[in-house]
Amino acid sequence: MRARALLAAAVLLAAGCGDAGGAADANVVTVLAASSLTESFTRLGDAYERDRPGAEVRFSFGGSSGLAQQIVSGAPADVFAAASPATMKTVTDAGRGAGPPAVFARNQLVIAVPKGNPRRITTPAALAGRDVKVALCAAQVPCGSAAATALAAAGVEVTPVTQEQDVKAALAKVKLGEVDAALVYRTDARSAAAEVDAVEFAGSARAVNDYPVVALTDAPNPDGAAAFVAFVRGPAGQQILADAGFQRP
């Protein structure tokens, strides 16, 4: 499979350079998407291209809040898929949504721990242990906001040793053995099942994130943007997302 991810810096550079005088490639759809969508959207992009010979989907994955700021600053893109309605609101309030966003999936948190769960962490309360090292997402990104909600619902105060800018970075701390646990999305823990275990907890149901998607105004490829959004929301896209562990909207 060829590499898909566009560097965010490259997207911003393109925004700063403006139109170099050439028309946008009508076969290319540029999608900015939350990092928790990396695996599922990569598969979804492959399926989209198989259904449309000649089409190409290019992704830039990252923290939703950072991507939203790039879009507001004028980064050229066709589609934005966020991990929370609050993050999407940043884009739509700036007039960058070509229409109302549509929720296409839902996700909730688990506690990711190293294989075998050596610290025997089974509840959020265990994350407050004196010697337990925990990674959380930063408060301004959707996984961080969801973690704060879930921990508050459990009546637990956790002092993380690190706060990361997206869920993949928080999960990486567990995979590298730098922390004992991290609050991450169920889908991310599933994608890393060979390296981490996922501990489900009841309070996560109080912090389920809706994932909205929207075609963007001034999209270089508006027809492709509309087609990709329709594919995400259609039967094939929904099945790919369900297979990755996302809940249906």
C-alpha atoms as a PDB file:
ATOM      1  CA  MET A   1       0.000   0.000   0.000  1.00  0.00           C
ATOM      2  CA  ARG A   2       1.443   3.381  -0.928  1.00  0.00           C
ATOM      3  CA  ALA A   3       1.979   6.038   1.698  1.00  0.00           C
ATOM      4  CA  ARG A   4      -0.985   8.369   2.079  1.00  0.00           C
ATOM      5  CA  ALA A   5      -0.352  10.848   4.855  1.00  0.00           C
ATOM      6  CA  LEU A   6       0.429  14.413   3.863  1.00  0.00           C
ATOM      7  CA  LEU A   7       2.632  16.333   6.265  1.00  0.00           C
ATOM      8  CA  ALA A   8       0.636  19.065   7.950  1.00  0.00           C
ATOM      9  CA  ALA A   9       3.502  21.466   7.305  1.00  0.00           C
ATOM     10  CA  ALA A  10       3.191  20.800   3.596  1.00  0.00           C
ATOM     11  CA  VAL A  11      -0.507  21.617   3.733  1.00  0.00           C
ATOM     12  CA  LEU A  12       0.212  24.914   5.448  1.00  0.00           C
ATOM     13  CA  LEU A  13       3.006  25.699   3.004  1.00  0.00           C
ATOM     14  CA  ALA A  14       0.614  25.192   0.123  1.00  0.00           C
ATOM     15  CA  ALA A  15      -1.861  27.518   1.815  1.00  0.00           C
ATOM     16  CA  GLY A  16       0.810  30.173   2.190  1.00  0.00           C
ATOM     17  CA  CYS A  17       1.926  29.916  -1.407  1.00  0.00           C
ATOM     18  CA  GLY A  18      -1.587  30.368  -2.803  1.00  0.00           C
ATOM     19  CA  ASP A  19      -2.588  29.339  -6.302  1.00  0.00           C
ATOM     20  CA  ALA A  20       0.562  28.702  -8.294  1.00  0.00           C
ATOM     21  CA  GLY A  21      -1.390  29.198 -11.483  1.00  0.00           C
ATOM     22  CA  GLY A  22      -2.362  25.601 -12.147  1.00  0.00           C
ATOM     23  CA  ALA A  23      -5.806  24.101 -11.783  1.00  0.00           C
ATOM     24  CA  ALA A  24      -6.481  21.607  -9.032  1.00  0.00           C
ATOM     25  CA  ASP A  25      -6.374  17.961 -10.048  1.00  0.00           C
ATOM     26  CA  ALA A  26     -10.018  16.984 -10.435  1.00  0.00           C
ATOM     27  CA  ASN A  27      -9.154  13.389  -9.536  1.00  0.00           C
ATOM     28  CA  VAL A  28      -7.562  14.192  -6.152  1.00  0.00           C
ATOM     29  CA  VAL A  29      -9.531  14.552  -2.913  1.00  0.00           C
ATOM     30  CA  THR A  30      -7.571  16.050  -0.003  1.00  0.00           C
ATOM     31  CA  VAL A  31      -8.907  15.013   3.404  1.00  0.00           C
ATOM     32  CA  LEU A  32      -7.872  16.366   6.801  1.00  0.00           C
ATOM     33  CA  ALA A  33      -8.910  13.851   9.453  1.00  0.00           C
ATOM     34  CA  ALA A  34      -8.519  13.162  13.162  1.00  0.00           C
ATOM     35  CA  SER A  35      -5.581  10.906  13.994  1.00  0.00           C
ATOM     36  CA  SER A  36      -7.931   8.277  15.439  1.00  0.00           C
ATOM     37  CA  LEU A  37      -9.248   7.769  11.904  1.00  0.00           C
ATOM     38  CA  THR A  38      -5.831   6.889  10.458  1.00  0.00           C
ATOM     39  CA  GLU A  39      -6.281   3.145   9.958  1.00  0.00           C
ATOM     40  CA  SER A  40      -9.986   3.159   9.064  1.00  0.00           C
ATOM     41  CA  PHE A  41      -9.787   6.112   6.679  1.00  0.00           C
ATOM     42  CA  THR A  42      -6.734   4.652   4.972  1.00  0.00           C
ATOM     43  CA  ARG A  43      -8.749   1.505   4.247  1.00  0.00           C
ATOM     44  CA  LEU A  44     -11.747   3.617   3.317  1.00  0.00           C
ATOM     45  CA  GLY A  45      -9.620   5.650   0.905  1.00  0.00           C
ATOM     46  CA  ASP A  46      -8.416   2.465  -0.767  1.00  0.00           C
ATOM     47  CA  ALA A  47     -12.014   1.298  -1.189  1.00  0.00           C
ATOM     48  CA  TYR A  48     -13.044   4.684  -2.579  1.00  0.00           C
ATOM     49  CA  GLU A  49     -10.259   4.548  -5.162  1.00  0.00           C
ATOM     50  CA  ARG A  50     -11.149   1.002  -6.191  1.00  0.00           C
ATOM     51  CA  ASP A  51     -14.702   2.141  -6.863  1.00  0.00           C
ATOM     52  CA  ARG A  52     -13.523   5.156  -8.858  1.00  0.00           C
ATOM     53  CA  PRO A  53     -10.648   4.310 -11.218  1.00  0.00           C
ATOM     54  CA  GLY A  54      -8.318   7.283 -11.531  1.00  0.00           C
ATOM     55  CA  ALA A  55      -9.400   8.874  -8.261  1.00  0.00           C
ATOM     56  CA  GLU A  56      -6.856   9.544  -5.542  1.00  0.00           C
ATOM     57  CA  VAL A  57      -7.427  10.365  -1.865  1.00  0.00           C
ATOM     58  CA  ARG A  58      -4.686  12.192   0.023  1.00  0.00           C
ATOM     59  CA  PHE A  59      -4.857  12.364   3.810  1.00  0.00           C
ATOM     60  CA  SER A  60      -3.378  14.551   6.499  1.00  0.00           C
ATOM     61  CA  PHE A  61      -3.990  13.019   9.933  1.00  0.00           C
ATOM     62  CA  GLY A  62      -3.493  14.849  13.208  1.00  0.00           C
ATOM     63  CA  GLY A  63      -5.128  16.293  16.285  1.00  0.00           C
ATOM     64  CA  SER A  64      -8.556  17.636  15.354  1.00  0.00           C
ATOM     65  CA  SER A  65      -7.994  21.024  16.968  1.00  0.00           C
ATOM     66  CA  GLY A  66      -4.749  21.589  15.075  1.00  0.00           C
ATOM     67  CA  LEU A  67      -6.311  20.573  11.775  1.00  0.00           C
ATOM     68  CA  ALA A  68      -9.259  22.887  12.418  1.00  0.00           C
ATOM     69  CA  GLN A  69      -6.896  25.794  12.935  1.00  0.00           C
ATOM     70  CA  GLN A  70      -5.117  24.968   9.679  1.00  0.00           C
ATOM     71  CA  ILE A  71      -8.436  25.042   7.821  1.00  0.00           C
ATOM     72  CA  VAL A  72      -9.463  28.335   9.410  1.00  0.00           C
ATOM     73  CA  SER A  73      -6.055  29.727   8.408  1.00  0.00           C
ATOM     74  CA  GLY A  74      -6.763  28.808   4.791  1.00  0.00           C
ATOM     75  CA  ALA A  75      -5.136  25.407   4.319  1.00  0.00           C
ATOM     76  CA  PRO A  76      -6.379  23.998   0.976  1.00  0.00           C
ATOM     77  CA  ALA A  77      -8.456  20.872   1.566  1.00  0.00           C
ATOM     78  CA  ASP A  78     -11.652  19.294   0.346  1.00  0.00           C
ATOM     79  CA  VAL A  79     -12.965  17.460   3.420  1.00  0.00           C
ATOM     80  CA  PHE A  80     -12.589  17.708   7.199  1.00  0.00           C
ATOM     81  CA  ALA A  81     -13.405  14.785   9.509  1.00  0.00           C
ATOM     82  CA  ALA A  82     -13.168  15.684  13.207  1.00  0.00           C
ATOM     83  CA  ALA A  83     -13.299  13.688  16.423  1.00  0.00           C
ATOM     84  CA  SER A  84     -15.827  15.988  18.084  1.00  0.00           C
ATOM     85  CA  PRO A  85     -18.598  18.447  17.193  1.00  0.00           C
ATOM     86  CA  ALA A  86     -16.870  21.149  19.264  1.00  0.00           C
ATOM     87  CA  THR A  87     -13.791  20.964  17.048  1.00  0.00           C
ATOM     88  CA  MET A  88     -15.906  20.962  13.913  1.00  0.00           C
ATOM     89  CA  LYS A  89     -17.658  24.103  15.193  1.00  0.00           C
ATOM     90  CA  THR A  90     -14.357  25.978  14.916  1.00  0.00           C
ATOM     91  CA  VAL A  91     -14.442  25.333  11.170  1.00  0.00           C
ATOM     92  CA  THR A  92     -18.121  25.949  10.559  1.00  0.00           C
ATOM     93  CA  ASP A  93     -18.165  29.129  12.660  1.00  0.00           C
ATOM     94  CA  ALA A  94     -15.396  30.436  10.389  1.00  0.00           C
ATOM     95  CA  GLY A  95     -17.584  29.782   7.361  1.00  0.00           C
ATOM     96  CA  ARG A  96     -15.425  26.957   6.018  1.00  0.00           C
ATOM     97  CA  GLY A  97     -18.131  24.293   5.922  1.00  0.00           C
ATOM     98  CA  ALA A  98     -19.881  23.920   2.574  1.00  0.00           C
ATOM     99  CA  GLY A  99     -22.964  22.593   4.344  1.00  0.00           C
ATOM    100  CA  PRO A 100     -24.044  21.261   7.708  1.00  0.00           C
ATOM    101  CA  PRO A 101     -21.643  18.632   9.101  1.00  0.00           C
ATOM    102  CA  ALA A 102     -22.940  15.065   9.373  1.00  0.00           C
ATOM    103  CA  VAL A 103     -22.064  12.670  12.196  1.00  0.00           C
ATOM    104  CA  PHE A 104     -20.732   9.486  10.608  1.00  0.00           C
ATOM    105  CA  ALA A 105     -19.380   7.506  13.581  1.00  0.00           C
ATOM    106  CA  ARG A 106     -19.045   7.414  17.345  1.00  0.00           C
ATOM    107  CA  ASN A 107     -16.143   6.348  19.568  1.00  0.00           C
ATOM    108  CA  GLN A 108     -15.461   5.896  23.259  1.00  0.00           C
ATOM    109  CA  LEU A 109     -12.498   5.509  25.535  1.00  0.00           C
ATOM    110  CA  VAL A 110     -10.669   2.541  26.988  1.00  0.00           C
ATOM    111  CA  ILE A 111      -7.623   2.320  29.212  1.00  0.00           C
ATOM    112  CA  ALA A 112      -4.691   1.144  27.105  1.00  0.00           C
ATOM    113  CA  VAL A 113      -2.065  -0.815  29.046  1.00  0.00           C
ATOM    114  CA  PRO A 114       1.001  -2.840  28.032  1.00  0.00           C
ATOM    115  CA  LYS A 115       0.342  -6.444  27.003  1.00  0.00           C
ATOM    116  CA  GLY A 116      -0.493  -8.555  30.010  1.00  0.00           C
ATOM    117  CA  ASN A 117      -1.526  -5.485  32.040  1.00  0.00           C
ATOM    118  CA  PRO A 118       1.455  -5.740  34.423  1.00  0.00           C
ATOM    119  CA  ARG A 119       0.103  -3.082  36.815  1.00  0.00           C
ATOM    120  CA  ARG A 120      -3.286  -4.859  36.974  1.00  0.00           C
ATOM    121  CA  ILE A 121      -5.180  -1.723  36.079  1.00  0.00           C
ATOM    122  CA  THR A 122      -8.889  -2.494  35.848  1.00  0.00           C
ATOM    123  CA  THR A 123     -10.665   0.781  36.708  1.00  0.00           C
ATOM    124  CA  PRO A 124     -10.084   4.527  36.297  1.00  0.00           C
ATOM    125  CA  ALA A 125      -9.429   4.717  40.047  1.00  0.00           C
ATOM    126  CA  ALA A 126      -6.238   2.728  39.525  1.00  0.00           C
ATOM    127  CA  LEU A 127      -4.899   5.545  37.354  1.00  0.00           C
ATOM    128  CA  ALA A 128      -4.661   7.747  40.442  1.00  0.00           C
ATOM    129  CA  GLY A 129      -2.175   5.395  42.093  1.00  0.00           C
ATOM    130  CA  ARG A 130       0.949   7.079  43.432  1.00  0.00           C
ATOM    131  CA  ASP A 131       3.399   5.262  41.180  1.00  0.00           C
ATOM    132  CA  VAL A 132       1.171   4.819  38.121  1.00  0.00           C
ATOM    133  CA  LYS A 133       2.404   6.757  35.098  1.00  0.00           C
ATOM    134  CA  VAL A 134      -0.468   7.905  32.888  1.00  0.00           C
ATOM    135  CA  ALA A 135      -0.586   9.588  29.487  1.00  0.00           C
ATOM    136  CA  LEU A 136      -3.587  11.686  28.541  1.00  0.00           C
ATOM    137  CA  CYS A 137      -4.434  13.779  25.526  1.00  0.00           C
ATOM    138  CA  ALA A 138      -4.201  17.529  26.025  1.00  0.00           C
ATOM    139  CA  ALA A 139      -7.424  19.152  27.211  1.00  0.00           C
ATOM    140  CA  GLN A 140      -7.982  21.090  23.983  1.00  0.00           C
ATOM    141  CA  VAL A 141      -8.153  18.002  21.752  1.00  0.00           C
ATOM    142  CA  PRO A 142     -11.232  15.741  21.655  1.00  0.00           C
ATOM    143  CA  CYS A 143      -9.647  12.704  23.320  1.00  0.00           C
ATOM    144  CA  GLY A 144      -8.468  14.934  26.162  1.00  0.00           C
ATOM    145  CA  SER A 145     -11.900  16.462  26.630  1.00  0.00           C
ATOM    146  CA  ALA A 146     -13.463  12.997  26.611  1.00  0.00           C
ATOM    147  CA  ALA A 147     -10.926  11.758  29.162  1.00  0.00           C
ATOM    148  CA  ALA A 148     -11.715  14.677  31.480  1.00  0.00           C
ATOM    149  CA  THR A 149     -15.430  13.897  31.234  1.00  0.00           C
ATOM    150  CA  ALA A 150     -14.923  10.174  31.886  1.00  0.00           C
ATOM    151  CA  LEU A 151     -12.602  10.726  34.850  1.00  0.00           C
ATOM    152  CA  ALA A 152     -14.964  13.299  36.365  1.00  0.00           C
ATOM    153  CA  ALA A 153     -17.842  10.848  36.002  1.00  0.00           C
ATOM    154  CA  ALA A 154     -15.743   8.265  37.851  1.00  0.00           C
ATOM    155  CA  GLY A 155     -14.839  10.773  40.551  1.00  0.00           C
ATOM    156  CA  VAL A 156     -11.126  10.297  39.865  1.00  0.00           C
ATOM    157  CA  GLU A 157      -8.376  12.919  39.690  1.00  0.00           C
ATOM    158  CA  VAL A 158      -5.383  11.860  37.616  1.00  0.00           C
ATOM    159  CA  THR A 159      -2.107  13.724  37.273  1.00  0.00           C
ATOM    160  CA  PRO A 160      -0.630  12.613  33.940  1.00  0.00           C
ATOM    161  CA  VAL A 161       3.097  12.486  33.374  1.00  0.00           C
ATOM    162  CA  THR A 162       2.496  13.696  29.827  1.00  0.00           C
ATOM    163  CA  GLN A 163      -0.279  15.344  27.821  1.00  0.00           C
ATOM    164  CA  GLU A 164      -0.181  14.670  24.103  1.00  0.00           C
ATOM    165  CA  GLN A 165      -1.575  16.559  21.125  1.00  0.00           C
ATOM    166  CA  ASP A 166      -3.389  13.554  19.651  1.00  0.00           C
ATOM    167  CA  VAL A 167      -4.499  10.090  20.637  1.00  0.00           C
ATOM    168  CA  LYS A 168      -1.813   8.307  18.603  1.00  0.00           C
ATOM    169  CA  ALA A 169       0.889  10.101  20.573  1.00  0.00           C
ATOM    170  CA  ALA A 170      -0.722   9.111  23.882  1.00  0.00           C
ATOM    171  CA  LEU A 171      -0.979   5.496  22.741  1.00  0.00           C
ATOM    172  CA  ALA A 172       2.657   5.527  21.606  1.00  0.00           C
ATOM    173  CA  LYS A 173       3.729   6.222  25.194  1.00  0.00           C
ATOM    174  CA  VAL A 174       2.179   2.898  26.232  1.00  0.00           C
ATOM    175  CA  LYS A 175       3.645   1.025  23.273  1.00  0.00           C
ATOM    176  CA  LEU A 176       7.110   2.369  24.091  1.00  0.00           C
ATOM    177  CA  GLY A 177       6.796   1.422  27.767  1.00  0.00           C
ATOM    178  CA  GLU A 178       7.096   5.034  28.897  1.00  0.00           C
ATOM    179  CA  VAL A 179       3.800   4.975  30.822  1.00  0.00           C
ATOM    180  CA  ASP A 180       1.693   2.344  32.562  1.00  0.00           C
ATOM    181  CA  ALA A 181      -1.577   3.405  30.955  1.00  0.00           C
ATOM    182  CA  ALA A 182      -3.268   5.911  28.671  1.00  0.00           C
ATOM    183  CA  LEU A 183      -6.851   6.859  28.003  1.00  0.00           C
ATOM    184  CA  VAL A 184      -7.365   6.353  24.271  1.00  0.00           C
ATOM    185  CA  TYR A 185     -10.169   5.532  21.900  1.00  0.00           C
ATOM    186  CA  ARG A 186     -11.315   1.942  21.656  1.00  0.00           C
ATOM    187  CA  THR A 187     -10.526   1.908  17.942  1.00  0.00           C
ATOM    188  CA  ASP A 188      -6.909   2.967  18.501  1.00  0.00           C
ATOM    189  CA  ALA A 189      -6.367   0.282  21.118  1.00  0.00           C
ATOM    190  CA  ARG A 190      -7.868  -2.272  18.745  1.00  0.00           C
ATOM    191  CA  SER A 191      -5.528  -1.239  15.936  1.00  0.00           C
ATOM    192  CA  ALA A 192      -2.567  -1.757  18.308  1.00  0.00           C
ATOM    193  CA  ALA A 193      -3.856  -5.007  19.836  1.00  0.00           C
ATOM    194  CA  ALA A 194      -0.552  -6.778  19.172  1.00  0.00           C
ATOM    195  CA  GLU A 195       1.194  -4.312  21.489  1.00  0.00           C
ATOM    196  CA  VAL A 196      -1.377  -3.188  24.068  1.00  0.00           C
ATOM    197  CA  ASP A 197      -4.397  -4.484  25.935  1.00  0.00           C
ATOM    198  CA  ALA A 198      -7.636  -2.511  26.242  1.00  0.00           C
ATOM    199  CA  VAL A 199      -9.411  -2.207  29.579  1.00  0.00           C
ATOM    200  CA  GLU A 200     -13.067  -1.317  29.160  1.00  0.00           C
ATOM    201  CA  PHE A 201     -14.745   0.727  31.901  1.00  0.00           C
ATOM    202  CA  ALA A 202     -18.364   1.683  32.458  1.00  0.00           C
ATOM    203  CA  GLY A 203     -17.789   5.427  32.771  1.00  0.00           C
ATOM    204  CA  SER A 204     -16.570   5.679  29.191  1.00  0.00           C
ATOM    205  CA  ALA A 205     -20.180   5.505  28.021  1.00  0.00           C
ATOM    206  CA  ARG A 206     -20.620   9.007  29.462  1.00  0.00           C
ATOM    207  CA  ALA A 207     -17.928  10.410  27.200  1.00  0.00           C
ATOM    208  CA  VAL A 208     -18.778   9.043  23.771  1.00  0.00           C
ATOM    209  CA  ASN A 209     -17.473  11.263  20.967  1.00  0.00           C
ATOM    210  CA  ASP A 210     -19.473  11.949  17.819  1.00  0.00           C
ATOM    211  CA  TYR A 211     -17.360  12.226  14.654  1.00  0.00           C
ATOM    212  CA  PRO A 212     -18.664  14.790  12.123  1.00  0.00           C
ATOM    213  CA  VAL A 213     -17.537  15.221   8.529  1.00  0.00           C
ATOM    214  CA  VAL A 214     -18.039  18.125   6.128  1.00  0.00           C
ATOM    215  CA  ALA A 215     -17.058  19.182   2.639  1.00  0.00           C
ATOM    216  CA  LEU A 216     -15.215  22.495   2.792  1.00  0.00           C
ATOM    217  CA  THR A 217     -15.942  25.787   1.103  1.00  0.00           C
ATOM    218  CA  ASP A 218     -13.359  26.744  -1.504  1.00  0.00           C
ATOM    219  CA  ALA A 219     -12.520  23.052  -1.873  1.00  0.00           C
ATOM    220  CA  PRO A 220     -10.150  22.540  -4.826  1.00  0.00           C
ATOM    221  CA  ASN A 221     -12.292  19.530  -5.797  1.00  0.00           C
ATOM    222  CA  PRO A 222     -15.887  20.182  -4.649  1.00  0.00           C
ATOM    223  CA  ASP A 223     -17.352  17.265  -6.603  1.00  0.00           C
ATOM    224  CA  GLY A 224     -14.758  14.905  -5.134  1.00  0.00           C
ATOM    225  CA  ALA A 225     -15.402  16.313  -1.665  1.00  0.00           C
ATOM    226  CA  ALA A 226     -19.122  15.605  -1.934  1.00  0.00           C
ATOM    227  CA  ALA A 227     -18.486  12.115  -3.309  1.00  0.00           C
ATOM    228  CA  PHE A 228     -16.042  11.238  -0.527  1.00  0.00           C
ATOM    229  CA  VAL A 229     -18.399  12.445   2.210  1.00  0.00           C
ATOM    230  CA  ALA A 230     -21.189  10.378   0.653  1.00  0.00           C
ATOM    231  CA  PHE A 231     -18.900   7.345   0.573  1.00  0.00           C
ATOM    232  CA  VAL A 232     -17.998   7.749   4.262  1.00  0.00           C
ATOM    233  CA  ARG A 233     -21.688   7.866   5.155  1.00  0.00           C
ATOM    234  CA  GLY A 234     -22.718   5.105   2.743  1.00  0.00           C
ATOM    235  CA  PRO A 235     -22.890   1.337   3.319  1.00  0.00           C
ATOM    236  CA  ALA A 236     -19.305   0.543   2.303  1.00  0.00           C
ATOM    237  CA  GLY A 237     -17.791   3.314   4.392  1.00  0.00           C
ATOM    238  CA  GLN A 238     -19.949   2.505   7.386  1.00  0.00           C
ATOM    239  CA  GLN A 239     -18.938  -1.148   7.256  1.00  0.00           C
ATOM    240  CA  ILE A 240     -15.237  -0.268   7.208  1.00  0.00           C
ATOM    241  CA  LEU A 241     -15.735   1.971  10.225  1.00  0.00           C
ATOM    242  CA  ALA A 242     -17.740  -0.680  12.073  1.00  0.00           C
ATOM    243  CA  ASP A 243     -15.043  -3.262  11.379  1.00  0.00           C
ATOM    244  CA  ALA A 244     -12.533  -0.869  12.993  1.00  0.00           C
ATOM    245  CA  GLY A 245     -14.643  -0.689  16.144  1.00  0.00           C
ATOM    246  CA  PHE A 246     -16.489   2.569  15.598  1.00  0.00           C
ATOM    247  CA  GLN A 247     -20.105   2.755  16.656  1.00  0.00           C
ATOM    248  CA  ARG A 248     -22.706   3.735  14.122  1.00  0.00           C
ATOM    249  CA  PRO A 249     -24.200   7.225  14.513  1.00  0.00           C
END
